[in-house]
Amino acid sequence: MSKSRGNIQSAQPIVSVLGVDALRYFLLREIVFGGDGGFSREALIARYNSDLANGLGNLASRTAAMIERSFGGKIPKAAELQPQDQELAKVAQSAIPSAAQHPGQGS
């Protein structure tokens, strides 16, 4: 991709299919900050499938299995959390309203 050569890719078709976060993720993983980098739709799809789809799918599957094994298939309520985890739960809960006010920055 080169501005001087005129072979620029429009981000909009990619964003409409995969979303802005997937495109950002790809660019951050594949292109060194401040340096030149290559782009192809094939590389984007391969990265998306390997890291995001497979990696996150594997995480979700392992998490579901752990919940099934350790908690009888039910996600524990905050009251069931260990004392050392309760502070993190409070911080995460307090971040929800702020995140809801700023959905999809840049999308």
C-alpha atoms as a PDB file:
ATOM      1  CA  MET A   1       0.000   0.000   0.000  1.00  0.00           C
ATOM      2  CA  SER A   2       1.537   3.275  -1.058  1.00  0.00           C
ATOM      3  CA  LYS A   3       0.091   6.728  -1.313  1.00  0.00           C
ATOM      4  CA  SER A   4       2.610   7.660  -4.004  1.00  0.00           C
ATOM      5  CA  ARG A   5       1.801   4.553  -6.069  1.00  0.00           C
ATOM      6  CA  GLY A   6      -1.920   5.029  -5.618  1.00  0.00           C
ATOM      7  CA  ASN A   7      -2.644   1.526  -4.403  1.00  0.00           C
ATOM      8  CA  ILE A   8      -4.476   2.628  -1.274  1.00  0.00           C
ATOM      9  CA  GLN A   9      -7.052   0.383   0.379  1.00  0.00           C
ATOM     10  CA  SER A  10     -10.250   1.940   1.666  1.00  0.00           C
ATOM     11  CA  ALA A  11     -10.913   1.002   5.281  1.00  0.00           C
ATOM     12  CA  GLN A  12     -14.706   1.305   5.014  1.00  0.00           C
ATOM     13  CA  PRO A  13     -15.421  -2.012   3.238  1.00  0.00           C
ATOM     14  CA  ILE A  14     -13.203  -3.845   5.723  1.00  0.00           C
ATOM     15  CA  VAL A  15     -14.811  -2.115   8.701  1.00  0.00           C
ATOM     16  CA  SER A  16     -18.305  -2.886   7.419  1.00  0.00           C
ATOM     17  CA  VAL A  17     -17.484  -6.615   7.309  1.00  0.00           C
ATOM     18  CA  LEU A  18     -15.066  -7.197  10.199  1.00  0.00           C
ATOM     19  CA  GLY A  19     -15.519  -4.080  12.326  1.00  0.00           C
ATOM     20  CA  VAL A  20     -13.134  -1.315  13.272  1.00  0.00           C
ATOM     21  CA  ASP A  21     -11.599  -3.216  16.189  1.00  0.00           C
ATOM     22  CA  ALA A  22     -10.508  -6.117  13.985  1.00  0.00           C
ATOM     23  CA  LEU A  23      -8.850  -3.725  11.544  1.00  0.00           C
ATOM     24  CA  ARG A  24      -7.110  -1.854  14.363  1.00  0.00           C
ATOM     25  CA  TYR A  25      -5.927  -5.120  15.864  1.00  0.00           C
ATOM     26  CA  PHE A  26      -4.478  -6.258  12.554  1.00  0.00           C
ATOM     27  CA  LEU A  27      -2.655  -2.988  11.939  1.00  0.00           C
ATOM     28  CA  LEU A  28      -1.196  -2.937  15.452  1.00  0.00           C
ATOM     29  CA  ARG A  29      -0.021  -6.550  15.186  1.00  0.00           C
ATOM     30  CA  GLU A  30       1.332  -6.444  11.640  1.00  0.00           C
ATOM     31  CA  ILE A  31       2.854  -3.002  11.224  1.00  0.00           C
ATOM     32  CA  VAL A  32       5.635  -1.644  13.409  1.00  0.00           C
ATOM     33  CA  PHE A  33       4.755   1.800  14.776  1.00  0.00           C
ATOM     34  CA  GLY A  34       6.438   4.492  12.707  1.00  0.00           C
ATOM     35  CA  GLY A  35       7.657   2.033  10.100  1.00  0.00           C
ATOM     36  CA  ASP A  36       6.537   0.711   6.780  1.00  0.00           C
ATOM     37  CA  GLY A  37       4.331  -2.307   6.614  1.00  0.00           C
ATOM     38  CA  GLY A  38       2.544  -4.497   4.162  1.00  0.00           C
ATOM     39  CA  PHE A  39      -1.184  -4.975   3.902  1.00  0.00           C
ATOM     40  CA  SER A  40      -3.259  -7.539   2.114  1.00  0.00           C
ATOM     41  CA  ARG A  41      -6.799  -8.691   2.621  1.00  0.00           C
ATOM     42  CA  GLU A  42      -5.513 -12.261   2.774  1.00  0.00           C
ATOM     43  CA  ALA A  43      -3.151 -11.381   5.655  1.00  0.00           C
ATOM     44  CA  LEU A  44      -5.960  -9.535   7.443  1.00  0.00           C
ATOM     45  CA  ILE A  45      -8.320 -12.503   7.175  1.00  0.00           C
ATOM     46  CA  ALA A  46      -5.595 -14.949   8.240  1.00  0.00           C
ATOM     47  CA  ARG A  47      -4.733 -12.824  11.310  1.00  0.00           C
ATOM     48  CA  TYR A  48      -8.420 -12.364  12.135  1.00  0.00           C
ATOM     49  CA  ASN A  49      -9.112 -16.087  11.907  1.00  0.00           C
ATOM     50  CA  SER A  50      -6.009 -17.249  13.749  1.00  0.00           C
ATOM     51  CA  ASP A  51      -5.786 -14.692  16.557  1.00  0.00           C
ATOM     52  CA  LEU A  52      -9.295 -13.394  17.032  1.00  0.00           C
ATOM     53  CA  ALA A  53     -11.620 -16.172  15.971  1.00  0.00           C
ATOM     54  CA  ASN A  54      -9.543 -19.154  17.076  1.00  0.00           C
ATOM     55  CA  GLY A  55      -7.847 -17.499  20.063  1.00  0.00           C
ATOM     56  CA  LEU A  56     -10.970 -15.920  21.503  1.00  0.00           C
ATOM     57  CA  GLY A  57     -13.057 -18.951  20.650  1.00  0.00           C
ATOM     58  CA  ASN A  58     -10.586 -21.125  22.530  1.00  0.00           C
ATOM     59  CA  LEU A  59     -10.691 -18.728  25.511  1.00  0.00           C
ATOM     60  CA  ALA A  60     -14.494 -18.768  25.536  1.00  0.00           C
ATOM     61  CA  SER A  61     -14.562 -22.569  25.332  1.00  0.00           C
ATOM     62  CA  ARG A  62     -12.056 -22.969  28.172  1.00  0.00           C
ATOM     63  CA  THR A  63     -13.914 -20.404  30.288  1.00  0.00           C
ATOM     64  CA  ALA A  64     -17.231 -22.183  29.751  1.00  0.00           C
ATOM     65  CA  ALA A  65     -15.635 -25.520  30.663  1.00  0.00           C
ATOM     66  CA  MET A  66     -14.114 -24.016  33.822  1.00  0.00           C
ATOM     67  CA  ILE A  67     -17.476 -22.520  34.839  1.00  0.00           C
ATOM     68  CA  GLU A  68     -19.151 -25.862  34.238  1.00  0.00           C
ATOM     69  CA  ARG A  69     -16.531 -27.785  36.200  1.00  0.00           C
ATOM     70  CA  SER A  70     -16.023 -25.365  39.087  1.00  0.00           C
ATOM     71  CA  PHE A  71     -19.423 -23.721  39.486  1.00  0.00           C
ATOM     72  CA  GLY A  72     -21.919 -26.270  38.185  1.00  0.00           C
ATOM     73  CA  GLY A  73     -22.461 -24.330  34.966  1.00  0.00           C
ATOM     74  CA  LYS A  74     -23.549 -21.105  36.684  1.00  0.00           C
ATOM     75  CA  ILE A  75     -21.540 -17.904  36.634  1.00  0.00           C
ATOM     76  CA  PRO A  76     -20.850 -16.988  40.258  1.00  0.00           C
ATOM     77  CA  LYS A  77     -22.402 -13.844  41.685  1.00  0.00           C
ATOM     78  CA  ALA A  78     -20.165 -11.140  43.150  1.00  0.00           C
ATOM     79  CA  ALA A  79     -20.984 -12.353  46.679  1.00  0.00           C
ATOM     80  CA  GLU A  80     -19.349 -15.692  45.838  1.00  0.00           C
ATOM     81  CA  LEU A  81     -16.073 -14.100  44.757  1.00  0.00           C
ATOM     82  CA  GLN A  82     -12.983 -14.508  46.854  1.00  0.00           C
ATOM     83  CA  PRO A  83     -12.102 -11.440  48.971  1.00  0.00           C
ATOM     84  CA  GLN A  84      -9.043 -10.670  46.842  1.00  0.00           C
ATOM     85  CA  ASP A  85     -11.257 -10.561  43.721  1.00  0.00           C
ATOM     86  CA  GLN A  86     -13.939  -8.253  45.111  1.00  0.00           C
ATOM     87  CA  GLU A  87     -11.923  -5.042  44.596  1.00  0.00           C
ATOM     88  CA  LEU A  88     -11.362  -5.904  40.931  1.00  0.00           C
ATOM     89  CA  ALA A  89     -15.084  -6.631  40.539  1.00  0.00           C
ATOM     90  CA  LYS A  90     -15.933  -3.205  41.993  1.00  0.00           C
ATOM     91  CA  VAL A  91     -13.537  -1.447  39.603  1.00  0.00           C
ATOM     92  CA  ALA A  92     -14.939  -3.346  36.623  1.00  0.00           C
ATOM     93  CA  GLN A  93     -18.524  -2.587  37.649  1.00  0.00           C
ATOM     94  CA  SER A  94     -17.775   1.124  38.037  1.00  0.00           C
ATOM     95  CA  ALA A  95     -16.239   1.226  34.531  1.00  0.00           C
ATOM     96  CA  ILE A  96     -19.452   0.086  32.811  1.00  0.00           C
ATOM     97  CA  PRO A  97     -21.253   3.481  32.797  1.00  0.00           C
ATOM     98  CA  SER A  98     -18.171   5.237  31.424  1.00  0.00           C
ATOM     99  CA  ALA A  99     -17.734   2.634  28.676  1.00  0.00           C
ATOM    100  CA  ALA A 100     -21.428   2.874  27.772  1.00  0.00           C
ATOM    101  CA  GLN A 101     -21.069   6.649  27.268  1.00  0.00           C
ATOM    102  CA  HIS A 102     -18.249   6.150  24.725  1.00  0.00           C
ATOM    103  CA  PRO A 103     -19.274   3.205  22.534  1.00  0.00           C
ATOM    104  CA  GLY A 104     -17.043   2.329  19.598  1.00  0.00           C
ATOM    105  CA  GLN A 105     -14.773   5.349  19.567  1.00  0.00           C
ATOM    106  CA  GLY A 106     -13.840   5.880  15.926  1.00  0.00           C
ATOM    107  CA  SER A 107     -16.370   3.432  14.528  1.00  0.00           C
END
